All heavy atoms as atom14 arrays in JSON, in Angstrom:
{
  "sequence": "KARGARLGNPRNAREAAALGRSVQTEEAERFAANVLPVILSIQSA",
  "atom14_mask": [
    [1, 1, 1, 1, 1, 1, 1, 1, 1, 0, 0, 0, 0, 0],
    [1, 1, 1, 1, 1, 0, 0, 0, 0, 0, 0, 0, 0, 0],
    [1, 1, 1, 1, 1, 1, 1, 1, 1, 1, 1, 0, 0, 0],
    [1, 1, 1, 1, 0, 0, 0, 0, 0, 0, 0, 0, 0, 0],
    [1, 1, 1, 1, 1, 0, 0, 0, 0, 0, 0, 0, 0, 0],
    [1, 1, 1, 1, 1, 1, 1, 1, 1, 1, 1, 0, 0, 0],
    [1, 1, 1, 1, 1, 1, 1, 1, 0, 0, 0, 0, 0, 0],
    [1, 1, 1, 1, 0, 0, 0, 0, 0, 0, 0, 0, 0, 0],
    [1, 1, 1, 1, 1, 1, 1, 1, 0, 0, 0, 0, 0, 0],
    [1, 1, 1, 1, 1, 1, 1, 0, 0, 0, 0, 0, 0, 0],
    [1, 1, 1, 1, 1, 1, 1, 1, 1, 1, 1, 0, 0, 0],
    [1, 1, 1, 1, 1, 1, 1, 1, 0, 0, 0, 0, 0, 0],
    [1, 1, 1, 1, 1, 0, 0, 0, 0, 0, 0, 0, 0, 0],
    [1, 1, 1, 1, 1, 1, 1, 1, 1, 1, 1, 0, 0, 0],
    [1, 1, 1, 1, 1, 1, 1, 1, 1, 0, 0, 0, 0, 0],
    [1, 1, 1, 1, 1, 0, 0, 0, 0, 0, 0, 0, 0, 0],
    [1, 1, 1, 1, 1, 0, 0, 0, 0, 0, 0, 0, 0, 0],
    [1, 1, 1, 1, 1, 0, 0, 0, 0, 0, 0, 0, 0, 0],
    [1, 1, 1, 1, 1, 1, 1, 1, 0, 0, 0, 0, 0, 0],
    [1, 1, 1, 1, 0, 0, 0, 0, 0, 0, 0, 0, 0, 0],
    [1, 1, 1, 1, 1, 1, 1, 1, 1, 1, 1, 0, 0, 0],
    [1, 1, 1, 1, 1, 1, 0, 0, 0, 0, 0, 0, 0, 0],
    [1, 1, 1, 1, 1, 1, 1, 0, 0, 0, 0, 0, 0, 0],
    [1, 1, 1, 1, 1, 1, 1, 1, 1, 0, 0, 0, 0, 0],
    [1, 1, 1, 1, 1, 1, 1, 0, 0, 0, 0, 0, 0, 0],
    [1, 1, 1, 1, 1, 1, 1, 1, 1, 0, 0, 0, 0, 0],
    [1, 1, 1, 1, 1, 1, 1, 1, 1, 0, 0, 0, 0, 0],
    [1, 1, 1, 1, 1, 0, 0, 0, 0, 0, 0, 0, 0, 0],
    [1, 1, 1, 1, 1, 1, 1, 1, 1, 0, 0, 0, 0, 0],
    [1, 1, 1, 1, 1, 1, 1, 1, 1, 1, 1, 0, 0, 0],
    [1, 1, 1, 1, 1, 1, 1, 1, 1, 1, 1, 0, 0, 0],
    [1, 1, 1, 1, 1, 0, 0, 0, 0, 0, 0, 0, 0, 0],
    [1, 1, 1, 1, 1, 0, 0, 0, 0, 0, 0, 0, 0, 0],
    [1, 1, 1, 1, 1, 1, 1, 1, 0, 0, 0, 0, 0, 0],
    [1, 1, 1, 1, 1, 1, 1, 0, 0, 0, 0, 0, 0, 0],
    [1, 1, 1, 1, 1, 1, 1, 1, 0, 0, 0, 0, 0, 0],
    [1, 1, 1, 1, 1, 1, 1, 0, 0, 0, 0, 0, 0, 0],
    [1, 1, 1, 1, 1, 1, 1, 0, 0, 0, 0, 0, 0, 0],
    [1, 1, 1, 1, 1, 1, 1, 1, 0, 0, 0, 0, 0, 0],
    [1, 1, 1, 1, 1, 1, 1, 1, 0, 0, 0, 0, 0, 0],
    [1, 1, 1, 1, 1, 1, 0, 0, 0, 0, 0, 0, 0, 0],
    [1, 1, 1, 1, 1, 1, 1, 1, 0, 0, 0, 0, 0, 0],
    [1, 1, 1, 1, 1, 1, 1, 1, 1, 0, 0, 0, 0, 0],
    [1, 1, 1, 1, 1, 1, 0, 0, 0, 0, 0, 0, 0, 0],
    [1, 1, 1, 1, 1, 0, 0, 0, 0, 0, 0, 0, 0, 0]
  ],
  "atom14_positions": [
    [[-24.15, 3.33, 13.82], [-24.55, 4.52, 13.08], [-25.97, 4.92, 13.43], [-26.28, 6.12, 13.57], [-24.43, 4.27, 11.58], [-24.68, 5.5, 10.73], [-24.43, 5.21, 9.26], [-24.63, 6.47, 8.42], [-24.38, 6.19, 6.98], [0.0, 0.0, 0.0], [0.0, 0.0, 0.0], [0.0, 0.0, 0.0], [0.0, 0.0, 0.0], [0.0, 0.0, 0.0]],
    [[-26.84, 3.94, 13.61], [-28.23, 4.22, 13.97], [-28.33, 4.86, 15.35], [-29.25, 5.65, 15.62], [-29.04, 2.92, 13.93], [0.0, 0.0, 0.0], [0.0, 0.0, 0.0], [0.0, 0.0, 0.0], [0.0, 0.0, 0.0], [0.0, 0.0, 0.0], [0.0, 0.0, 0.0], [0.0, 0.0, 0.0], [0.0, 0.0, 0.0], [0.0, 0.0, 0.0]],
    [[-27.35, 4.55, 16.21], [-27.36, 5.15, 17.56], [-26.67, 6.51, 17.58], [-26.49, 7.1, 18.63], [-26.66, 4.2, 18.54], [-27.45, 2.92, 18.82], [-26.93, 2.21, 20.06], [-25.54, 1.78, 19.9], [-25.19, 0.58, 19.47], [-26.12, -0.31, 19.15], [-23.92, 0.26, 19.37], [0.0, 0.0, 0.0], [0.0, 0.0, 0.0], [0.0, 0.0, 0.0]],
    [[-26.22, 6.97, 16.39], [-25.63, 8.3, 16.31], [-24.12, 8.34, 16.36], [-23.54, 9.44, 16.41], [0.0, 0.0, 0.0], [0.0, 0.0, 0.0], [0.0, 0.0, 0.0], [0.0, 0.0, 0.0], [0.0, 0.0, 0.0], [0.0, 0.0, 0.0], [0.0, 0.0, 0.0], [0.0, 0.0, 0.0], [0.0, 0.0, 0.0], [0.0, 0.0, 0.0]],
    [[-23.47, 7.19, 16.34], [-22.01, 7.18, 16.37], [-21.47, 7.7, 15.05], [-22.05, 7.45, 13.99], [-21.5, 5.76, 16.63], [0.0, 0.0, 0.0], [0.0, 0.0, 0.0], [0.0, 0.0, 0.0], [0.0, 0.0, 0.0], [0.0, 0.0, 0.0], [0.0, 0.0, 0.0], [0.0, 0.0, 0.0], [0.0, 0.0, 0.0], [0.0, 0.0, 0.0]],
    [[-20.36, 8.42, 15.1], [-19.74, 8.99, 13.91], [-18.78, 7.96, 13.31], [-17.84, 7.54, 13.95], [-19.0, 10.28, 14.24], [-18.42, 10.98, 13.02], [-17.72, 12.26, 13.42], [-17.14, 12.93, 12.26], [-16.42, 14.05, 12.34], [-16.2, 14.61, 13.54], [-15.93, 14.6, 11.26], [0.0, 0.0, 0.0], [0.0, 0.0, 0.0], [0.0, 0.0, 0.0]],
    [[-19.04, 7.58, 12.07], [-18.2, 6.61, 11.39], [-17.47, 7.28, 10.23], [-17.81, 8.38, 9.82], [-19.05, 5.45, 10.85], [-19.93, 4.72, 11.88], [-20.77, 3.67, 11.18], [-19.09, 4.11, 12.97], [0.0, 0.0, 0.0], [0.0, 0.0, 0.0], [0.0, 0.0, 0.0], [0.0, 0.0, 0.0], [0.0, 0.0, 0.0], [0.0, 0.0, 0.0]],
    [[-16.49, 6.58, 9.69], [-15.78, 7.1, 8.51], [-14.4, 7.62, 8.84], [-13.99, 7.71, 10.0], [0.0, 0.0, 0.0], [0.0, 0.0, 0.0], [0.0, 0.0, 0.0], [0.0, 0.0, 0.0], [0.0, 0.0, 0.0], [0.0, 0.0, 0.0], [0.0, 0.0, 0.0], [0.0, 0.0, 0.0], [0.0, 0.0, 0.0], [0.0, 0.0, 0.0]],
    [[-13.7, 8.02, 7.82], [-12.33, 8.5, 7.93], [-12.32, 10.01, 8.05], [-12.75, 10.72, 7.14], [-11.54, 8.07, 6.68], [-10.06, 8.41, 6.8], [-9.65, 9.06, 7.75], [-9.28, 7.95, 5.85], [0.0, 0.0, 0.0], [0.0, 0.0, 0.0], [0.0, 0.0, 0.0], [0.0, 0.0, 0.0], [0.0, 0.0, 0.0], [0.0, 0.0, 0.0]],
    [[-11.85, 10.57, 9.17], [-11.86, 12.03, 9.36], [-10.75, 12.76, 8.62], [-10.72, 13.98, 8.64], [-11.69, 12.16, 10.88], [-10.87, 10.96, 11.26], [-11.33, 9.86, 10.33], [0.0, 0.0, 0.0], [0.0, 0.0, 0.0], [0.0, 0.0, 0.0], [0.0, 0.0, 0.0], [0.0, 0.0, 0.0], [0.0, 0.0, 0.0], [0.0, 0.0, 0.0]],
    [[-9.83, 12.04, 7.99], [-8.74, 12.73, 7.31], [-9.26, 13.55, 6.14], [-10.21, 13.19, 5.48], [-7.71, 11.72, 6.79], [-6.98, 10.94, 7.86], [-5.93, 10.06, 7.19], [-5.13, 9.32, 8.15], [-5.45, 8.12, 8.61], [-6.56, 7.54, 8.18], [-4.69, 7.51, 9.48], [0.0, 0.0, 0.0], [0.0, 0.0, 0.0], [0.0, 0.0, 0.0]],
    [[-8.58, 14.65, 5.85], [-8.97, 15.45, 4.69], [-8.47, 14.78, 3.41], [-7.73, 13.8, 3.45], [-8.46, 16.89, 4.81], [-6.95, 16.96, 4.9], [-6.25, 16.16, 4.3], [-6.46, 17.95, 5.66], [0.0, 0.0, 0.0], [0.0, 0.0, 0.0], [0.0, 0.0, 0.0], [0.0, 0.0, 0.0], [0.0, 0.0, 0.0], [0.0, 0.0, 0.0]],
    [[-8.86, 15.32, 2.27], [-8.56, 14.69, 0.99], [-7.06, 14.6, 0.74], [-6.56, 13.61, 0.21], [-9.23, 15.48, -0.14], [0.0, 0.0, 0.0], [0.0, 0.0, 0.0], [0.0, 0.0, 0.0], [0.0, 0.0, 0.0], [0.0, 0.0, 0.0], [0.0, 0.0, 0.0], [0.0, 0.0, 0.0], [0.0, 0.0, 0.0], [0.0, 0.0, 0.0]],
    [[-6.3, 15.66, 1.13], [-4.85, 15.64, 0.91], [-4.18, 14.54, 1.71], [-3.32, 13.82, 1.2], [-4.26, 17.0, 1.28], [-2.75, 17.08, 1.07], [-2.22, 18.46, 1.37], [-2.81, 19.47, 0.5], [-2.57, 20.78, 0.6], [-1.74, 21.22, 1.54], [-3.14, 21.64, -0.23], [0.0, 0.0, 0.0], [0.0, 0.0, 0.0], [0.0, 0.0, 0.0]],
    [[-4.58, 14.39, 2.98], [-4.0, 13.34, 3.81], [-4.36, 11.96, 3.29], [-3.54, 11.04, 3.28], [-4.47, 13.5, 5.25], [-3.91, 14.74, 5.95], [-4.54, 14.95, 7.31], [-5.71, 14.54, 7.48], [-3.88, 15.5, 8.19], [0.0, 0.0, 0.0], [0.0, 0.0, 0.0], [0.0, 0.0, 0.0], [0.0, 0.0, 0.0], [0.0, 0.0, 0.0]],
    [[-5.6, 11.81, 2.81], [-6.04, 10.53, 2.27], [-5.26, 10.17, 1.01], [-4.88, 9.02, 0.8], [-7.54, 10.57, 1.97], [0.0, 0.0, 0.0], [0.0, 0.0, 0.0], [0.0, 0.0, 0.0], [0.0, 0.0, 0.0], [0.0, 0.0, 0.0], [0.0, 0.0, 0.0], [0.0, 0.0, 0.0], [0.0, 0.0, 0.0], [0.0, 0.0, 0.0]],
    [[-5.02, 11.18, 0.17], [-4.26, 10.94, -1.06], [-2.83, 10.53, -0.73], [-2.26, 9.63, -1.36], [-4.27, 12.18, -1.93], [0.0, 0.0, 0.0], [0.0, 0.0, 0.0], [0.0, 0.0, 0.0], [0.0, 0.0, 0.0], [0.0, 0.0, 0.0], [0.0, 0.0, 0.0], [0.0, 0.0, 0.0], [0.0, 0.0, 0.0], [0.0, 0.0, 0.0]],
    [[-2.23, 11.22, 0.26], [-0.86, 10.88, 0.67], [-0.79, 9.47, 1.21], [0.15, 8.72, 0.94], [-0.37, 11.88, 1.72], [0.0, 0.0, 0.0], [0.0, 0.0, 0.0], [0.0, 0.0, 0.0], [0.0, 0.0, 0.0], [0.0, 0.0, 0.0], [0.0, 0.0, 0.0], [0.0, 0.0, 0.0], [0.0, 0.0, 0.0], [0.0, 0.0, 0.0]],
    [[-1.79, 9.08, 1.98], [-1.84, 7.73, 2.53], [-1.96, 6.71, 1.4], [-1.31, 5.66, 1.42], [-3.02, 7.59, 3.49], [-3.22, 6.21, 4.12], [-2.01, 5.83, 4.96], [-4.49, 6.2, 4.99], [0.0, 0.0, 0.0], [0.0, 0.0, 0.0], [0.0, 0.0, 0.0], [0.0, 0.0, 0.0], [0.0, 0.0, 0.0], [0.0, 0.0, 0.0]],
    [[-2.78, 7.04, 0.4], [-2.94, 6.14, -0.74], [-1.64, 5.93, -1.49], [-1.3, 4.81, -1.88], [0.0, 0.0, 0.0], [0.0, 0.0, 0.0], [0.0, 0.0, 0.0], [0.0, 0.0, 0.0], [0.0, 0.0, 0.0], [0.0, 0.0, 0.0], [0.0, 0.0, 0.0], [0.0, 0.0, 0.0], [0.0, 0.0, 0.0], [0.0, 0.0, 0.0]],
    [[-0.88, 7.02, -1.7], [0.41, 6.92, -2.37], [1.39, 6.08, -1.56], [2.17, 5.3, -2.12], [0.98, 8.31, -2.65], [0.25, 9.08, -3.74], [1.03, 10.31, -4.13], [1.15, 11.26, -3.04], [0.28, 12.24, -2.78], [-0.79, 12.38, -3.55], [0.47, 13.06, -1.77], [0.0, 0.0, 0.0], [0.0, 0.0, 0.0], [0.0, 0.0, 0.0]],
    [[1.34, 6.25, -0.25], [2.23, 5.48, 0.62], [1.92, 3.99, 0.53], [2.84, 3.16, 0.47], [2.09, 5.96, 2.07], [2.85, 5.15, 2.95], [0.0, 0.0, 0.0], [0.0, 0.0, 0.0], [0.0, 0.0, 0.0], [0.0, 0.0, 0.0], [0.0, 0.0, 0.0], [0.0, 0.0, 0.0], [0.0, 0.0, 0.0], [0.0, 0.0, 0.0]],
    [[0.64, 3.66, 0.5], [0.23, 2.25, 0.4], [0.67, 1.67, -0.93], [1.17, 0.54, -1.0], [-1.29, 2.12, 0.57], [-1.76, 0.7, 0.23], [-1.7, 2.47, 2.0], [0.0, 0.0, 0.0], [0.0, 0.0, 0.0], [0.0, 0.0, 0.0], [0.0, 0.0, 0.0], [0.0, 0.0, 0.0], [0.0, 0.0, 0.0], [0.0, 0.0, 0.0]],
    [[0.51, 2.44, -2.02], [0.91, 1.97, -3.34], [2.42, 1.72, -3.4], [2.88, 0.74, -3.98], [0.51, 2.99, -4.41], [-0.99, 3.05, -4.65], [-1.36, 4.12, -5.67], [-0.54, 4.96, -6.02], [-2.59, 4.09, -6.14], [0.0, 0.0, 0.0], [0.0, 0.0, 0.0], [0.0, 0.0, 0.0], [0.0, 0.0, 0.0], [0.0, 0.0, 0.0]],
    [[3.19, 2.64, -2.78], [4.64, 2.47, -2.77], [5.04, 1.22, -1.99], [5.91, 0.45, -2.42], [5.31, 3.71, -2.14], [4.99, 4.86, -2.92], [6.83, 3.54, -2.08], [0.0, 0.0, 0.0], [0.0, 0.0, 0.0], [0.0, 0.0, 0.0], [0.0, 0.0, 0.0], [0.0, 0.0, 0.0], [0.0, 0.0, 0.0], [0.0, 0.0, 0.0]],
    [[4.39, 1.01, -0.85], [4.7, -0.17, -0.03], [4.36, -1.45, -0.79], [5.13, -2.43, -0.75], [3.9, -0.12, 1.27], [4.21, -1.29, 2.21], [3.43, -1.21, 3.5], [2.87, -0.13, 3.79], [3.39, -2.21, 4.23], [0.0, 0.0, 0.0], [0.0, 0.0, 0.0], [0.0, 0.0, 0.0], [0.0, 0.0, 0.0], [0.0, 0.0, 0.0]],
    [[3.23, -1.46, -1.5], [2.85, -2.64, -2.26], [3.83, -2.91, -3.4], [4.19, -4.07, -3.67], [1.43, -2.47, -2.83], [0.34, -2.51, -1.77], [-1.04, -2.34, -2.36], [-1.13, -1.98, -3.56], [-2.02, -2.56, -1.64], [0.0, 0.0, 0.0], [0.0, 0.0, 0.0], [0.0, 0.0, 0.0], [0.0, 0.0, 0.0], [0.0, 0.0, 0.0]],
    [[4.28, -1.83, -4.06], [5.25, -1.98, -5.15], [6.57, -2.54, -4.63], [7.19, -3.41, -5.26], [5.47, -0.65, -5.85], [0.0, 0.0, 0.0], [0.0, 0.0, 0.0], [0.0, 0.0, 0.0], [0.0, 0.0, 0.0], [0.0, 0.0, 0.0], [0.0, 0.0, 0.0], [0.0, 0.0, 0.0], [0.0, 0.0, 0.0], [0.0, 0.0, 0.0]],
    [[7.02, -2.05, -3.47], [8.27, -2.54, -2.88], [8.13, -3.99, -2.44], [9.07, -4.78, -2.58], [8.66, -1.65, -1.7], [9.09, -0.25, -2.11], [9.4, 0.64, -0.93], [9.11, 0.21, 0.21], [9.92, 1.75, -1.14], [0.0, 0.0, 0.0], [0.0, 0.0, 0.0], [0.0, 0.0, 0.0], [0.0, 0.0, 0.0], [0.0, 0.0, 0.0]],
    [[6.97, -4.35, -1.91], [6.74, -5.73, -1.5], [6.75, -6.67, -2.71], [7.34, -7.75, -2.66], [5.41, -5.86, -0.75], [5.13, -7.26, -0.23], [3.97, -7.29, 0.74], [2.71, -7.0, 0.1], [1.95, -5.94, 0.36], [2.34, -5.05, 1.25], [0.8, -5.76, -0.25], [0.0, 0.0, 0.0], [0.0, 0.0, 0.0], [0.0, 0.0, 0.0]],
    [[6.12, -6.23, -3.79], [6.11, -7.05, -5.01], [7.52, -7.22, -5.54], [7.92, -8.32, -5.93], [5.21, -6.39, -6.06], [5.1, -7.19, -7.34], [4.23, -8.25, -7.44], [5.88, -6.86, -8.44], [4.14, -8.99, -8.61], [5.8, -7.59, -9.61], [4.92, -8.66, -9.7], [0.0, 0.0, 0.0], [0.0, 0.0, 0.0], [0.0, 0.0, 0.0]],
    [[8.29, -6.13, -5.55], [9.67, -6.2, -6.05], [10.49, -7.16, -5.19], [11.31, -7.94, -5.71], [10.3, -4.81, -6.04], [0.0, 0.0, 0.0], [0.0, 0.0, 0.0], [0.0, 0.0, 0.0], [0.0, 0.0, 0.0], [0.0, 0.0, 0.0], [0.0, 0.0, 0.0], [0.0, 0.0, 0.0], [0.0, 0.0, 0.0], [0.0, 0.0, 0.0]],
    [[10.28, -7.14, -3.88], [11.02, -8.03, -2.98], [10.68, -9.49, -3.26], [11.53, -10.37, -3.1], [10.71, -7.67, -1.53], [0.0, 0.0, 0.0], [0.0, 0.0, 0.0], [0.0, 0.0, 0.0], [0.0, 0.0, 0.0], [0.0, 0.0, 0.0], [0.0, 0.0, 0.0], [0.0, 0.0, 0.0], [0.0, 0.0, 0.0], [0.0, 0.0, 0.0]],
    [[9.44, -9.76, -3.67], [9.04, -11.13, -3.97], [9.59, -11.62, -5.3], [9.92, -12.8, -5.45], [7.5, -11.23, -4.0], [6.89, -11.21, -2.61], [7.52, -11.64, -1.65], [5.68, -10.7, -2.5], [0.0, 0.0, 0.0], [0.0, 0.0, 0.0], [0.0, 0.0, 0.0], [0.0, 0.0, 0.0], [0.0, 0.0, 0.0], [0.0, 0.0, 0.0]],
    [[9.69, -10.71, -6.28], [10.14, -11.11, -7.61], [11.66, -11.18, -7.7], [12.21, -12.0, -8.46], [9.6, -10.14, -8.68], [10.13, -10.5, -10.07], [8.08, -10.17, -8.71], [0.0, 0.0, 0.0], [0.0, 0.0, 0.0], [0.0, 0.0, 0.0], [0.0, 0.0, 0.0], [0.0, 0.0, 0.0], [0.0, 0.0, 0.0], [0.0, 0.0, 0.0]],
    [[12.35, -10.35, -6.94], [13.81, -10.29, -7.04], [14.49, -11.65, -6.88], [15.38, -11.98, -7.67], [14.37, -9.29, -6.02], [15.89, -9.05, -6.11], [16.27, -8.53, -7.48], [16.33, -8.08, -5.02], [0.0, 0.0, 0.0], [0.0, 0.0, 0.0], [0.0, 0.0, 0.0], [0.0, 0.0, 0.0], [0.0, 0.0, 0.0], [0.0, 0.0, 0.0]],
    [[14.11, -12.49, -5.89], [14.76, -13.81, -5.79], [14.56, -14.66, -7.04], [15.43, -15.45, -7.4], [14.09, -14.44, -4.56], [13.61, -13.28, -3.75], [13.19, -12.27, -4.76], [0.0, 0.0, 0.0], [0.0, 0.0, 0.0], [0.0, 0.0, 0.0], [0.0, 0.0, 0.0], [0.0, 0.0, 0.0], [0.0, 0.0, 0.0], [0.0, 0.0, 0.0]],
    [[13.41, -14.51, -7.7], [13.16, -15.25, -8.93], [14.13, -14.79, -10.02], [14.7, -15.61, -10.75], [11.7, -15.07, -9.39], [11.43, -15.87, -10.67], [10.72, -15.49, -8.3], [0.0, 0.0, 0.0], [0.0, 0.0, 0.0], [0.0, 0.0, 0.0], [0.0, 0.0, 0.0], [0.0, 0.0, 0.0], [0.0, 0.0, 0.0], [0.0, 0.0, 0.0]],
    [[14.31, -13.47, -10.13], [15.24, -12.93, -11.12], [16.67, -13.38, -10.83], [17.43, -13.73, -11.74], [15.14, -11.39, -11.16], [13.77, -10.97, -11.7], [16.26, -10.8, -12.03], [13.56, -9.47, -11.75], [0.0, 0.0, 0.0], [0.0, 0.0, 0.0], [0.0, 0.0, 0.0], [0.0, 0.0, 0.0], [0.0, 0.0, 0.0], [0.0, 0.0, 0.0]],
    [[17.04, -13.38, -9.55], [18.39, -13.81, -9.18], [18.62, -15.28, -9.54], [19.72, -15.65, -9.99], [18.62, -13.6, -7.67], [18.66, -12.13, -7.2], [18.81, -12.05, -5.7], [19.79, -11.38, -7.89], [0.0, 0.0, 0.0], [0.0, 0.0, 0.0], [0.0, 0.0, 0.0], [0.0, 0.0, 0.0], [0.0, 0.0, 0.0], [0.0, 0.0, 0.0]],
    [[17.59, -16.11, -9.37], [17.73, -17.52, -9.73], [17.86, -17.67, -11.25], [18.58, -18.55, -11.74], [16.53, -18.32, -9.22], [15.35, -18.0, -9.92], [0.0, 0.0, 0.0], [0.0, 0.0, 0.0], [0.0, 0.0, 0.0], [0.0, 0.0, 0.0], [0.0, 0.0, 0.0], [0.0, 0.0, 0.0], [0.0, 0.0, 0.0], [0.0, 0.0, 0.0]],
    [[17.16, -16.8, -11.98], [17.28, -16.82, -13.45], [18.68, -16.42, -13.87], [19.3, -17.05, -14.73], [16.23, -15.87, -14.07], [14.82, -16.43, -13.88], [16.51, -15.64, -15.56], [13.72, -15.47, -14.29], [0.0, 0.0, 0.0], [0.0, 0.0, 0.0], [0.0, 0.0, 0.0], [0.0, 0.0, 0.0], [0.0, 0.0, 0.0], [0.0, 0.0, 0.0]],
    [[19.22, -15.38, -13.23], [20.57, -14.93, -13.55], [21.61, -15.98, -13.17], [22.6, -16.16, -13.88], [20.86, -13.61, -12.84], [20.04, -12.43, -13.37], [20.25, -11.17, -12.57], [20.42, -11.22, -11.34], [20.24, -10.02, -13.24], [0.0, 0.0, 0.0], [0.0, 0.0, 0.0], [0.0, 0.0, 0.0], [0.0, 0.0, 0.0], [0.0, 0.0, 0.0]],
    [[21.37, -16.67, -12.06], [22.33, -17.71, -11.64], [22.37, -18.88, -12.61], [23.33, -19.64, -12.65], [21.98, -18.21, -10.24], [20.75, -18.91, -10.25], [0.0, 0.0, 0.0], [0.0, 0.0, 0.0], [0.0, 0.0, 0.0], [0.0, 0.0, 0.0], [0.0, 0.0, 0.0], [0.0, 0.0, 0.0], [0.0, 0.0, 0.0], [0.0, 0.0, 0.0]],
    [[21.29, -19.02, -13.41], [21.25, -20.07, -14.42], [21.97, -19.66, -15.71], [21.96, -20.4, -16.69], [19.81, -20.45, -14.72], [0.0, 0.0, 0.0], [0.0, 0.0, 0.0], [0.0, 0.0, 0.0], [0.0, 0.0, 0.0], [0.0, 0.0, 0.0], [0.0, 0.0, 0.0], [0.0, 0.0, 0.0], [0.0, 0.0, 0.0], [0.0, 0.0, 0.0]]
  ]
}
């Protein structure tokens, strides 16, 4: 940055918000995939 290089995210606010929603959805799906086997084991009991 001191040498004048441009840093940061060039995306506009709308694109950044869409990316944030996508990340949240992916995290929610990953969490569900981790918990589902636990629920299935509970049901099998």
